[in-house]
Amino acid sequence: MSEVTTELVIGAQRHAAGIVAGSAPVLGDALKALGQGISEEAPGFTGAAASAFYAAFGGWAKTGGRIPEAVMQYAGRLVEVDRAVAQSQATQSAAYLRARRQLAGL
């Protein structure tokens, strides 16, 4: 059985943020390519079903177009977590050392 821990490794979230941020342009390009592909095929797709499809796709594209920005925001939050945990650990370590010195003086 593996040991489960909630400990964060300082730097791991920053590393993950780089990977996540790197995916934002890829996602943006894929969404653009999808939209262009549909636009190129649009002249051959007509009728009521086509109208319903374009309305649905338009709504999806509007929402999907925000995905790259959301991914970048998530990457930023990962960096914030890494910074906050590092700061918290440094503060806790300093408090531990002060307490240890005080107890050693007793």
PDB file of N, CA and C in Angstrom:
ATOM      1  N   MET A   1       0.846  -1.175   0.000  1.00  0.00           N
ATOM      2  CA  MET A   1       0.000   0.000   0.000  1.00  0.00           C
ATOM      3  C   MET A   1       0.897   1.245   0.000  1.00  0.00           C
ATOM      4  N   SER A   2       0.550   2.203  -0.826  1.00  0.00           N
ATOM      5  CA  SER A   2       1.369   3.412  -0.882  1.00  0.00           C
ATOM      6  C   SER A   2       0.968   4.386   0.215  1.00  0.00           C
ATOM      7  N   GLU A   3       1.938   5.194   0.602  1.00  0.00           N
ATOM      8  CA  GLU A   3       1.696   6.186   1.645  1.00  0.00           C
ATOM      9  C   GLU A   3       1.069   7.429   1.019  1.00  0.00           C
ATOM     10  N   VAL A   4      -0.024   7.901   1.579  1.00  0.00           N
ATOM     11  CA  VAL A   4      -0.711   9.089   1.085  1.00  0.00           C
ATOM     12  C   VAL A   4      -0.265  10.272   1.929  1.00  0.00           C
ATOM     13  N   THR A   5       0.064  11.367   1.262  1.00  0.00           N
ATOM     14  CA  THR A   5       0.500  12.557   1.976  1.00  0.00           C
ATOM     15  C   THR A   5      -0.142  13.796   1.354  1.00  0.00           C
ATOM     16  N   THR A   6      -0.317  14.817   2.148  1.00  0.00           N
ATOM     17  CA  THR A   6      -0.846  16.081   1.635  1.00  0.00           C
ATOM     18  C   THR A   6       0.264  17.115   1.481  1.00  0.00           C
ATOM     19  N   GLU A   7       1.494  16.702   1.675  1.00  0.00           N
ATOM     20  CA  GLU A   7       2.629  17.612   1.590  1.00  0.00           C
ATOM     21  C   GLU A   7       2.833  18.089   0.156  1.00  0.00           C
ATOM     22  N   LEU A   8       3.034  19.391   0.015  1.00  0.00           N
ATOM     23  CA  LEU A   8       3.350  19.951  -1.302  1.00  0.00           C
ATOM     24  C   LEU A   8       4.855  20.075  -1.431  1.00  0.00           C
ATOM     25  N   VAL A   9       5.348  19.768  -2.592  1.00  0.00           N
ATOM     26  CA  VAL A   9       6.769  19.906  -2.866  1.00  0.00           C
ATOM     27  C   VAL A   9       6.967  21.283  -3.479  1.00  0.00           C
ATOM     28  N   ILE A  10       7.775  22.110  -2.804  1.00  0.00           N
ATOM     29  CA  ILE A  10       8.014  23.455  -3.300  1.00  0.00           C
ATOM     30  C   ILE A  10       8.645  23.373  -4.690  1.00  0.00           C
ATOM     31  N   GLY A  11       8.094  24.108  -5.601  1.00  0.00           N
ATOM     32  CA  GLY A  11       8.569  24.118  -6.979  1.00  0.00           C
ATOM     33  C   GLY A  11       7.731  23.249  -7.903  1.00  0.00           C
ATOM     34  N   ALA A  12       7.040  22.263  -7.361  1.00  0.00           N
ATOM     35  CA  ALA A  12       6.238  21.368  -8.204  1.00  0.00           C
ATOM     36  C   ALA A  12       5.060  22.096  -8.842  1.00  0.00           C
ATOM     37  N   GLN A  13       4.419  22.982  -8.083  1.00  0.00           N
ATOM     38  CA  GLN A  13       3.282  23.718  -8.621  1.00  0.00           C
ATOM     39  C   GLN A  13       3.752  24.722  -9.680  1.00  0.00           C
ATOM     40  N   ARG A  14       4.909  25.327  -9.449  1.00  0.00           N
ATOM     41  CA  ARG A  14       5.468  26.265 -10.437  1.00  0.00           C
ATOM     42  C   ARG A  14       5.809  25.508 -11.730  1.00  0.00           C
ATOM     43  N   HIS A  15       6.355  24.316 -11.583  1.00  0.00           N
ATOM     44  CA  HIS A  15       6.658  23.485 -12.757  1.00  0.00           C
ATOM     45  C   HIS A  15       5.368  23.133 -13.497  1.00  0.00           C
ATOM     46  N   ALA A  16       4.349  22.727 -12.740  1.00  0.00           N
ATOM     47  CA  ALA A  16       3.059  22.389 -13.348  1.00  0.00           C
ATOM     48  C   ALA A  16       2.463  23.613 -14.046  1.00  0.00           C
ATOM     49  N   ALA A  17       2.632  24.785 -13.447  1.00  0.00           N
ATOM     50  CA  ALA A  17       2.113  26.017 -14.056  1.00  0.00           C
ATOM     51  C   ALA A  17       2.733  26.247 -15.429  1.00  0.00           C
ATOM     52  N   GLY A  18       4.018  25.949 -15.552  1.00  0.00           N
ATOM     53  CA  GLY A  18       4.676  26.099 -16.851  1.00  0.00           C
ATOM     54  C   GLY A  18       4.087  25.168 -17.893  1.00  0.00           C
ATOM     55  N   ILE A  19       3.788  23.958 -17.487  1.00  0.00           N
ATOM     56  CA  ILE A  19       3.186  22.990 -18.411  1.00  0.00           C
ATOM     57  C   ILE A  19       1.777  23.438 -18.789  1.00  0.00           C
ATOM     58  N   VAL A  20       1.007  23.855 -17.791  1.00  0.00           N
ATOM     59  CA  VAL A  20      -0.364  24.308 -18.036  1.00  0.00           C
ATOM     60  C   VAL A  20      -0.351  25.527 -18.949  1.00  0.00           C
ATOM     61  N   ALA A  21       0.495  26.508 -18.642  1.00  0.00           N
ATOM     62  CA  ALA A  21       0.562  27.725 -19.455  1.00  0.00           C
ATOM     63  C   ALA A  21       0.978  27.400 -20.893  1.00  0.00           C
ATOM     64  N   GLY A  22       1.844  26.423 -21.058  1.00  0.00           N
ATOM     65  CA  GLY A  22       2.264  26.025 -22.391  1.00  0.00           C
ATOM     66  C   GLY A  22       1.142  25.421 -23.216  1.00  0.00           C
ATOM     67  N   SER A  23       0.130  24.899 -22.548  1.00  0.00           N
ATOM     68  CA  SER A  23      -0.992  24.306 -23.281  1.00  0.00           C
ATOM     69  C   SER A  23      -1.986  25.355 -23.775  1.00  0.00           C
ATOM     70  N   ALA A  24      -1.964  26.555 -23.215  1.00  0.00           N
ATOM     71  CA  ALA A  24      -2.934  27.584 -23.603  1.00  0.00           C
ATOM     72  C   ALA A  24      -2.848  27.938 -25.090  1.00  0.00           C
ATOM     73  N   PRO A  25      -1.652  28.210 -25.637  1.00  0.00           N
ATOM     74  CA  PRO A  25      -1.598  28.514 -27.070  1.00  0.00           C
ATOM     75  C   PRO A  25      -2.008  27.330 -27.944  1.00  0.00           C
ATOM     76  N   VAL A  26      -1.683  26.128 -27.494  1.00  0.00           N
ATOM     77  CA  VAL A  26      -2.060  24.930 -28.253  1.00  0.00           C
ATOM     78  C   VAL A  26      -3.580  24.814 -28.305  1.00  0.00           C
ATOM     79  N   LEU A  27      -4.225  25.033 -27.167  1.00  0.00           N
ATOM     80  CA  LEU A  27      -5.682  24.998 -27.126  1.00  0.00           C
ATOM     81  C   LEU A  27      -6.280  26.097 -27.992  1.00  0.00           C
ATOM     82  N   GLY A  28      -5.709  27.294 -27.897  1.00  0.00           N
ATOM     83  CA  GLY A  28      -6.190  28.412 -28.712  1.00  0.00           C
ATOM     84  C   GLY A  28      -6.089  28.103 -30.200  1.00  0.00           C
ATOM     85  N   ASP A  29      -4.958  27.540 -30.610  1.00  0.00           N
ATOM     86  CA  ASP A  29      -4.771  27.177 -32.019  1.00  0.00           C
ATOM     87  C   ASP A  29      -5.763  26.104 -32.456  1.00  0.00           C
ATOM     88  N   ALA A  30      -6.002  25.131 -31.587  1.00  0.00           N
ATOM     89  CA  ALA A  30      -6.947  24.057 -31.924  1.00  0.00           C
ATOM     90  C   ALA A  30      -8.359  24.612 -32.074  1.00  0.00           C
ATOM     91  N   LEU A  31      -8.735  25.533 -31.193  1.00  0.00           N
ATOM     92  CA  LEU A  31     -10.065  26.137 -31.289  1.00  0.00           C
ATOM     93  C   LEU A  31     -10.200  26.963 -32.572  1.00  0.00           C
ATOM     94  N   LYS A  32      -9.149  27.699 -32.935  1.00  0.00           N
ATOM     95  CA  LYS A  32      -9.172  28.479 -34.187  1.00  0.00           C
ATOM     96  C   LYS A  32      -9.298  27.551 -35.390  1.00  0.00           C
ATOM     97  N   ALA A  33      -8.520  26.468 -35.378  1.00  0.00           N
ATOM     98  CA  ALA A  33      -8.548  25.517 -36.498  1.00  0.00           C
ATOM     99  C   ALA A  33      -9.931  24.880 -36.624  1.00  0.00           C
ATOM    100  N   LEU A  34     -10.542  24.570 -35.498  1.00  0.00           N
ATOM    101  CA  LEU A  34     -11.883  23.988 -35.528  1.00  0.00           C
ATOM    102  C   LEU A  34     -12.869  24.973 -36.139  1.00  0.00           C
ATOM    103  N   GLY A  35     -12.815  26.218 -35.688  1.00  0.00           N
ATOM    104  CA  GLY A  35     -13.707  27.245 -36.231  1.00  0.00           C
ATOM    105  C   GLY A  35     -13.493  27.462 -37.715  1.00  0.00           C
ATOM    106  N   GLN A  36     -12.217  27.484 -38.145  1.00  0.00           N
ATOM    107  CA  GLN A  36     -11.914  27.663 -39.564  1.00  0.00           C
ATOM    108  C   GLN A  36     -12.419  26.487 -40.396  1.00  0.00           C
ATOM    109  N   GLY A  37     -12.240  25.284 -39.860  1.00  0.00           N
ATOM    110  CA  GLY A  37     -12.719  24.093 -40.572  1.00  0.00           C
ATOM    111  C   GLY A  37     -14.222  24.102 -40.752  1.00  0.00           C
ATOM    112  N   ILE A  38     -14.922  24.493 -39.713  1.00  0.00           N
ATOM    113  CA  ILE A  38     -16.384  24.558 -39.808  1.00  0.00           C
ATOM    114  C   ILE A  38     -16.799  25.651 -40.782  1.00  0.00           C
ATOM    115  N   SER A  39     -16.122  26.789 -40.728  1.00  0.00           N
ATOM    116  CA  SER A  39     -16.436  27.893 -41.647  1.00  0.00           C
ATOM    117  C   SER A  39     -16.212  27.481 -43.099  1.00  0.00           C
ATOM    118  N   GLU A  40     -15.153  26.732 -43.346  1.00  0.00           N
ATOM    119  CA  GLU A  40     -14.855  26.285 -44.706  1.00  0.00           C
ATOM    120  C   GLU A  40     -15.908  25.316 -45.232  1.00  0.00           C
ATOM    121  N   GLU A  41     -16.496  24.534 -44.350  1.00  0.00           N
ATOM    122  CA  GLU A  41     -17.507  23.556 -44.761  1.00  0.00           C
ATOM    123  C   GLU A  41     -18.921  24.137 -44.749  1.00  0.00           C
ATOM    124  N   ALA A  42     -19.087  25.320 -44.198  1.00  0.00           N
ATOM    125  CA  ALA A  42     -20.409  25.931 -44.035  1.00  0.00           C
ATOM    126  C   ALA A  42     -21.213  26.049 -45.323  1.00  0.00           C
ATOM    127  N   PRO A  43     -20.608  26.431 -46.451  1.00  0.00           N
ATOM    128  CA  PRO A  43     -21.428  26.588 -47.663  1.00  0.00           C
ATOM    129  C   PRO A  43     -22.159  25.309 -48.099  1.00  0.00           C
ATOM    130  N   GLY A  44     -21.621  24.175 -47.775  1.00  0.00           N
ATOM    131  CA  GLY A  44     -22.251  22.921 -48.163  1.00  0.00           C
ATOM    132  C   GLY A  44     -23.250  22.378 -47.150  1.00  0.00           C
ATOM    133  N   PHE A  45     -23.434  23.069 -46.066  1.00  0.00           N
ATOM    134  CA  PHE A  45     -24.301  22.592 -44.985  1.00  0.00           C
ATOM    135  C   PHE A  45     -25.418  23.616 -44.795  1.00  0.00           C
ATOM    136  N   THR A  46     -26.625  23.271 -45.249  1.00  0.00           N
ATOM    137  CA  THR A  46     -27.737  24.224 -45.206  1.00  0.00           C
ATOM    138  C   THR A  46     -28.972  23.587 -44.595  1.00  0.00           C
ATOM    139  N   GLY A  47     -30.000  24.385 -44.398  1.00  0.00           N
ATOM    140  CA  GLY A  47     -31.271  23.891 -43.889  1.00  0.00           C
ATOM    141  C   GLY A  47     -31.420  24.157 -42.400  1.00  0.00           C
ATOM    142  N   ALA A  48     -32.522  23.642 -41.870  1.00  0.00           N
ATOM    143  CA  ALA A  48     -32.852  23.878 -40.462  1.00  0.00           C
ATOM    144  C   ALA A  48     -31.814  23.251 -39.532  1.00  0.00           C
ATOM    145  N   ALA A  49     -31.357  22.066 -39.870  1.00  0.00           N
ATOM    146  CA  ALA A  49     -30.356  21.405 -39.031  1.00  0.00           C
ATOM    147  C   ALA A  49     -29.069  22.210 -39.006  1.00  0.00           C
ATOM    148  N   ALA A  50     -28.708  22.776 -40.150  1.00  0.00           N
ATOM    149  CA  ALA A  50     -27.495  23.587 -40.220  1.00  0.00           C
ATOM    150  C   ALA A  50     -27.637  24.829 -39.354  1.00  0.00           C
ATOM    151  N   SER A  51     -28.797  25.472 -39.416  1.00  0.00           N
ATOM    152  CA  SER A  51     -29.023  26.668 -38.592  1.00  0.00           C
ATOM    153  C   SER A  51     -28.914  26.343 -37.113  1.00  0.00           C
ATOM    154  N   ALA A  52     -29.495  25.234 -36.706  1.00  0.00           N
ATOM    155  CA  ALA A  52     -29.429  24.830 -35.298  1.00  0.00           C
ATOM    156  C   ALA A  52     -27.994  24.505 -34.913  1.00  0.00           C
ATOM    157  N   PHE A  53     -27.279  23.836 -35.812  1.00  0.00           N
ATOM    158  CA  PHE A  53     -25.887  23.502 -35.544  1.00  0.00           C
ATOM    159  C   PHE A  53     -25.049  24.761 -35.372  1.00  0.00           C
ATOM    160  N   TYR A  54     -25.205  25.707 -36.292  1.00  0.00           N
ATOM    161  CA  TYR A  54     -24.399  26.940 -36.214  1.00  0.00           C
ATOM    162  C   TYR A  54     -24.718  27.747 -34.961  1.00  0.00           C
ATOM    163  N   ALA A  55     -25.993  27.744 -34.558  1.00  0.00           N
ATOM    164  CA  ALA A  55     -26.357  28.447 -33.323  1.00  0.00           C
ATOM    165  C   ALA A  55     -25.685  27.776 -32.121  1.00  0.00           C
ATOM    166  N   ALA A  56     -25.731  26.453 -32.096  1.00  0.00           N
ATOM    167  CA  ALA A  56     -25.114  25.718 -30.986  1.00  0.00           C
ATOM    168  C   ALA A  56     -23.595  25.887 -31.014  1.00  0.00           C
ATOM    169  N   PHE A  57     -23.010  25.786 -32.206  1.00  0.00           N
ATOM    170  CA  PHE A  57     -21.566  25.932 -32.302  1.00  0.00           C
ATOM    171  C   PHE A  57     -21.136  27.347 -31.933  1.00  0.00           C
ATOM    172  N   GLY A  58     -21.929  28.334 -32.320  1.00  0.00           N
ATOM    173  CA  GLY A  58     -21.600  29.720 -31.967  1.00  0.00           C
ATOM    174  C   GLY A  58     -21.533  29.901 -30.458  1.00  0.00           C
ATOM    175  N   GLY A  59     -22.479  29.327 -29.727  1.00  0.00           N
ATOM    176  CA  GLY A  59     -22.461  29.398 -28.265  1.00  0.00           C
ATOM    177  C   GLY A  59     -21.275  28.657 -27.684  1.00  0.00           C
ATOM    178  N   TRP A  60     -20.991  27.503 -28.237  1.00  0.00           N
ATOM    179  CA  TRP A  60     -19.858  26.724 -27.752  1.00  0.00           C
ATOM    180  C   TRP A  60     -18.554  27.463 -28.031  1.00  0.00           C
ATOM    181  N   ALA A  61     -18.420  28.032 -29.218  1.00  0.00           N
ATOM    182  CA  ALA A  61     -17.196  28.733 -29.585  1.00  0.00           C
ATOM    183  C   ALA A  61     -16.976  29.945 -28.686  1.00  0.00           C
ATOM    184  N   LYS A  62     -18.062  30.630 -28.354  1.00  0.00           N
ATOM    185  CA  LYS A  62     -17.936  31.792 -27.466  1.00  0.00           C
ATOM    186  C   LYS A  62     -17.403  31.352 -26.102  1.00  0.00           C
ATOM    187  N   THR A  63     -17.954  30.273 -25.579  1.00  0.00           N
ATOM    188  CA  THR A  63     -17.487  29.751 -24.289  1.00  0.00           C
ATOM    189  C   THR A  63     -16.113  29.123 -24.431  1.00  0.00           C
ATOM    190  N   GLY A  64     -15.916  28.316 -25.452  1.00  0.00           N
ATOM    191  CA  GLY A  64     -14.635  27.648 -25.670  1.00  0.00           C
ATOM    192  C   GLY A  64     -13.501  28.616 -25.913  1.00  0.00           C
ATOM    193  N   GLY A  65     -13.816  29.766 -26.486  1.00  0.00           N
ATOM    194  CA  GLY A  65     -12.797  30.769 -26.746  1.00  0.00           C
ATOM    195  C   GLY A  65     -12.175  31.328 -25.477  1.00  0.00           C
ATOM    196  N   ARG A  66     -12.853  31.134 -24.363  1.00  0.00           N
ATOM    197  CA  ARG A  66     -12.313  31.615 -23.083  1.00  0.00           C
ATOM    198  C   ARG A  66     -11.418  30.579 -22.403  1.00  0.00           C
ATOM    199  N   ILE A  67     -11.341  29.392 -22.959  1.00  0.00           N
ATOM    200  CA  ILE A  67     -10.549  28.330 -22.346  1.00  0.00           C
ATOM    201  C   ILE A  67      -9.065  28.709 -22.215  1.00  0.00           C
ATOM    202  N   PRO A  68      -8.418  29.212 -23.267  1.00  0.00           N
ATOM    203  CA  PRO A  68      -7.001  29.559 -23.104  1.00  0.00           C
ATOM    204  C   PRO A  68      -6.761  30.582 -21.977  1.00  0.00           C
ATOM    205  N   GLU A  69      -7.616  31.569 -21.857  1.00  0.00           N
ATOM    206  CA  GLU A  69      -7.469  32.551 -20.780  1.00  0.00           C
ATOM    207  C   GLU A  69      -7.647  31.889 -19.415  1.00  0.00           C
ATOM    208  N   ALA A  70      -8.643  31.008 -19.309  1.00  0.00           N
ATOM    209  CA  ALA A  70      -8.874  30.302 -18.041  1.00  0.00           C
ATOM    210  C   ALA A  70      -7.688  29.415 -17.681  1.00  0.00           C
ATOM    211  N   VAL A  71      -7.085  28.798 -18.671  1.00  0.00           N
ATOM    212  CA  VAL A  71      -5.912  27.952 -18.443  1.00  0.00           C
ATOM    213  C   VAL A  71      -4.757  28.800 -17.908  1.00  0.00           C
ATOM    214  N   MET A  72      -4.567  29.990 -18.485  1.00  0.00           N
ATOM    215  CA  MET A  72      -3.504  30.881 -18.006  1.00  0.00           C
ATOM    216  C   MET A  72      -3.782  31.350 -16.577  1.00  0.00           C
ATOM    217  N   GLN A  73      -5.035  31.621 -16.254  1.00  0.00           N
ATOM    218  CA  GLN A  73      -5.379  32.005 -14.888  1.00  0.00           C
ATOM    219  C   GLN A  73      -5.090  30.862 -13.922  1.00  0.00           C
ATOM    220  N   TYR A  74      -5.413  29.645 -14.322  1.00  0.00           N
ATOM    221  CA  TYR A  74      -5.133  28.481 -13.489  1.00  0.00           C
ATOM    222  C   TYR A  74      -3.622  28.338 -13.260  1.00  0.00           C
ATOM    223  N   ALA A  75      -2.845  28.543 -14.312  1.00  0.00           N
ATOM    224  CA  ALA A  75      -1.385  28.473 -14.180  1.00  0.00           C
ATOM    225  C   ALA A  75      -0.905  29.511 -13.168  1.00  0.00           C
ATOM    226  N   GLY A  76      -1.481  30.700 -13.231  1.00  0.00           N
ATOM    227  CA  GLY A  76      -1.119  31.741 -12.272  1.00  0.00           C
ATOM    228  C   GLY A  76      -1.448  31.352 -10.852  1.00  0.00           C
ATOM    229  N   ARG A  77      -2.569  30.695 -10.672  1.00  0.00           N
ATOM    230  CA  ARG A  77      -2.964  30.247  -9.332  1.00  0.00           C
ATOM    231  C   ARG A  77      -2.010  29.177  -8.811  1.00  0.00           C
ATOM    232  N   LEU A  78      -1.536  28.311  -9.691  1.00  0.00           N
ATOM    233  CA  LEU A  78      -0.560  27.300  -9.276  1.00  0.00           C
ATOM    234  C   LEU A  78       0.719  27.962  -8.769  1.00  0.00           C
ATOM    235  N   VAL A  79       1.160  28.997  -9.454  1.00  0.00           N
ATOM    236  CA  VAL A  79       2.355  29.728  -9.016  1.00  0.00           C
ATOM    237  C   VAL A  79       2.099  30.368  -7.652  1.00  0.00           C
ATOM    238  N   GLU A  80       0.896  30.934  -7.470  1.00  0.00           N
ATOM    239  CA  GLU A  80       0.547  31.540  -6.187  1.00  0.00           C
ATOM    240  C   GLU A  80       0.571  30.516  -5.054  1.00  0.00           C
ATOM    241  N   VAL A  81       0.065  29.313  -5.323  1.00  0.00           N
ATOM    242  CA  VAL A  81       0.086  28.252  -4.307  1.00  0.00           C
ATOM    243  C   VAL A  81       1.523  27.915  -3.941  1.00  0.00           C
ATOM    244  N   ASP A  82       2.363  27.774  -4.939  1.00  0.00           N
ATOM    245  CA  ASP A  82       3.762  27.443  -4.685  1.00  0.00           C
ATOM    246  C   ASP A  82       4.422  28.515  -3.820  1.00  0.00           C
ATOM    247  N   ARG A  83       4.192  29.767  -4.160  1.00  0.00           N
ATOM    248  CA  ARG A  83       4.780  30.881  -3.401  1.00  0.00           C
ATOM    249  C   ARG A  83       4.247  30.916  -1.981  1.00  0.00           C
ATOM    250  N   ALA A  84       2.929  30.759  -1.821  1.00  0.00           N
ATOM    251  CA  ALA A  84       2.314  30.820  -0.488  1.00  0.00           C
ATOM    252  C   ALA A  84       2.789  29.676   0.407  1.00  0.00           C
ATOM    253  N   VAL A  85       2.892  28.475  -0.155  1.00  0.00           N
ATOM    254  CA  VAL A  85       3.345  27.330   0.635  1.00  0.00           C
ATOM    255  C   VAL A  85       4.814  27.498   1.021  1.00  0.00           C
ATOM    256  N   ALA A  86       5.628  27.990   0.107  1.00  0.00           N
ATOM    257  CA  ALA A  86       7.042  28.225   0.423  1.00  0.00           C
ATOM    258  C   ALA A  86       7.175  29.254   1.541  1.00  0.00           C
ATOM    259  N   GLN A  87       6.401  30.309   1.456  1.00  0.00           N
ATOM    260  CA  GLN A  87       6.434  31.344   2.493  1.00  0.00           C
ATOM    261  C   GLN A  87       5.952  30.791   3.835  1.00  0.00           C
ATOM    262  N   SER A  88       4.886  30.005   3.799  1.00  0.00           N
ATOM    263  CA  SER A  88       4.349  29.410   5.024  1.00  0.00           C
ATOM    264  C   SER A  88       5.360  28.465   5.665  1.00  0.00           C
ATOM    265  N   GLN A  89       6.011  27.653   4.832  1.00  0.00           N
ATOM    266  CA  GLN A  89       7.009  26.725   5.376  1.00  0.00           C
ATOM    267  C   GLN A  89       8.192  27.464   5.967  1.00  0.00           C
ATOM    268  N   ALA A  90       8.601  28.553   5.328  1.00  0.00           N
ATOM    269  CA  ALA A  90       9.710  29.343   5.862  1.00  0.00           C
ATOM    270  C   ALA A  90       9.324  29.962   7.202  1.00  0.00           C
ATOM    271  N   THR A  91       8.113  30.471   7.305  1.00  0.00           N
ATOM    272  CA  THR A  91       7.631  31.067   8.551  1.00  0.00           C
ATOM    273  C   THR A  91       7.564  30.016   9.652  1.00  0.00           C
ATOM    274  N   GLN A  92       7.027  28.843   9.323  1.00  0.00           N
ATOM    275  CA  GLN A  92       6.922  27.769  10.313  1.00  0.00           C
ATOM    276  C   GLN A  92       8.302  27.285  10.743  1.00  0.00           C
ATOM    277  N   SER A  93       9.229  27.194   9.811  1.00  0.00           N
ATOM    278  CA  SER A  93      10.582  26.752  10.134  1.00  0.00           C
ATOM    279  C   SER A  93      11.261  27.748  11.068  1.00  0.00           C
ATOM    280  N   ALA A  94      11.088  29.034  10.787  1.00  0.00           N
ATOM    281  CA  ALA A  94      11.677  30.064  11.643  1.00  0.00           C
ATOM    282  C   ALA A  94      11.078  30.007  13.042  1.00  0.00           C
ATOM    283  N   ALA A  95       9.772  29.799  13.136  1.00  0.00           N
ATOM    284  CA  ALA A  95       9.111  29.706  14.444  1.00  0.00           C
ATOM    285  C   ALA A  95       9.616  28.478  15.205  1.00  0.00           C
ATOM    286  N   TYR A  96       9.801  27.380  14.507  1.00  0.00           N
ATOM    287  CA  TYR A  96      10.309  26.163  15.135  1.00  0.00           C
ATOM    288  C   TYR A  96      11.719  26.399  15.688  1.00  0.00           C
ATOM    289  N   LEU A  97      12.565  27.052  14.879  1.00  0.00           N
ATOM    290  CA  LEU A  97      13.941  27.309  15.329  1.00  0.00           C
ATOM    291  C   LEU A  97      13.976  28.237  16.541  1.00  0.00           C
ATOM    292  N   ARG A  98      13.110  29.259  16.549  1.00  0.00           N
ATOM    293  CA  ARG A  98      13.046  30.145  17.716  1.00  0.00           C
ATOM    294  C   ARG A  98      12.621  29.367  18.960  1.00  0.00           C
ATOM    295  N   ALA A  99      11.602  28.538  18.808  1.00  0.00           N
ATOM    296  CA  ALA A  99      11.124  27.743  19.949  1.00  0.00           C
ATOM    297  C   ALA A  99      12.210  26.778  20.418  1.00  0.00           C
ATOM    298  N   ARG A 100      12.926  26.193  19.500  1.00  0.00           N
ATOM    299  CA  ARG A 100      13.989  25.252  19.850  1.00  0.00           C
ATOM    300  C   ARG A 100      15.104  25.962  20.637  1.00  0.00           C
ATOM    301  N   ARG A 101      15.474  27.158  20.181  1.00  0.00           N
ATOM    302  CA  ARG A 101      16.498  27.935  20.888  1.00  0.00           C
ATOM    303  C   ARG A 101      16.040  28.315  22.289  1.00  0.00           C
ATOM    304  N   GLN A 102      14.768  28.688  22.389  1.00  0.00           N
ATOM    305  CA  GLN A 102      14.242  29.075  23.712  1.00  0.00           C
ATOM    306  C   GLN A 102      14.231  27.880  24.657  1.00  0.00           C
ATOM    307  N   LEU A 103      13.841  26.718  24.129  1.00  0.00           N
ATOM    308  CA  LEU A 103      13.809  25.521  24.975  1.00  0.00           C
ATOM    309  C   LEU A 103      15.222  25.071  25.333  1.00  0.00           C
ATOM    310  N   ALA A 104      16.162  25.273  24.464  1.00  0.00           N
ATOM    311  CA  ALA A 104      17.539  24.899  24.746  1.00  0.00           C
ATOM    312  C   ALA A 104      18.131  25.768  25.865  1.00  0.00           C
ATOM    313  N   GLY A 105      17.611  26.977  25.994  1.00  0.00           N
ATOM    314  CA  GLY A 105      18.099  27.868  27.033  1.00  0.00           C
ATOM    315  C   GLY A 105      17.518  27.588  28.398  1.00  0.00           C
ATOM    316  N   LEU A 106      16.570  26.698  28.496  1.00  0.00           N
ATOM    317  CA  LEU A 106      15.954  26.399  29.818  1.00  0.00           C
ATOM    318  C   LEU A 106      16.818  25.566  30.697  1.00  0.00           C
TER     319      LEU A 106
END
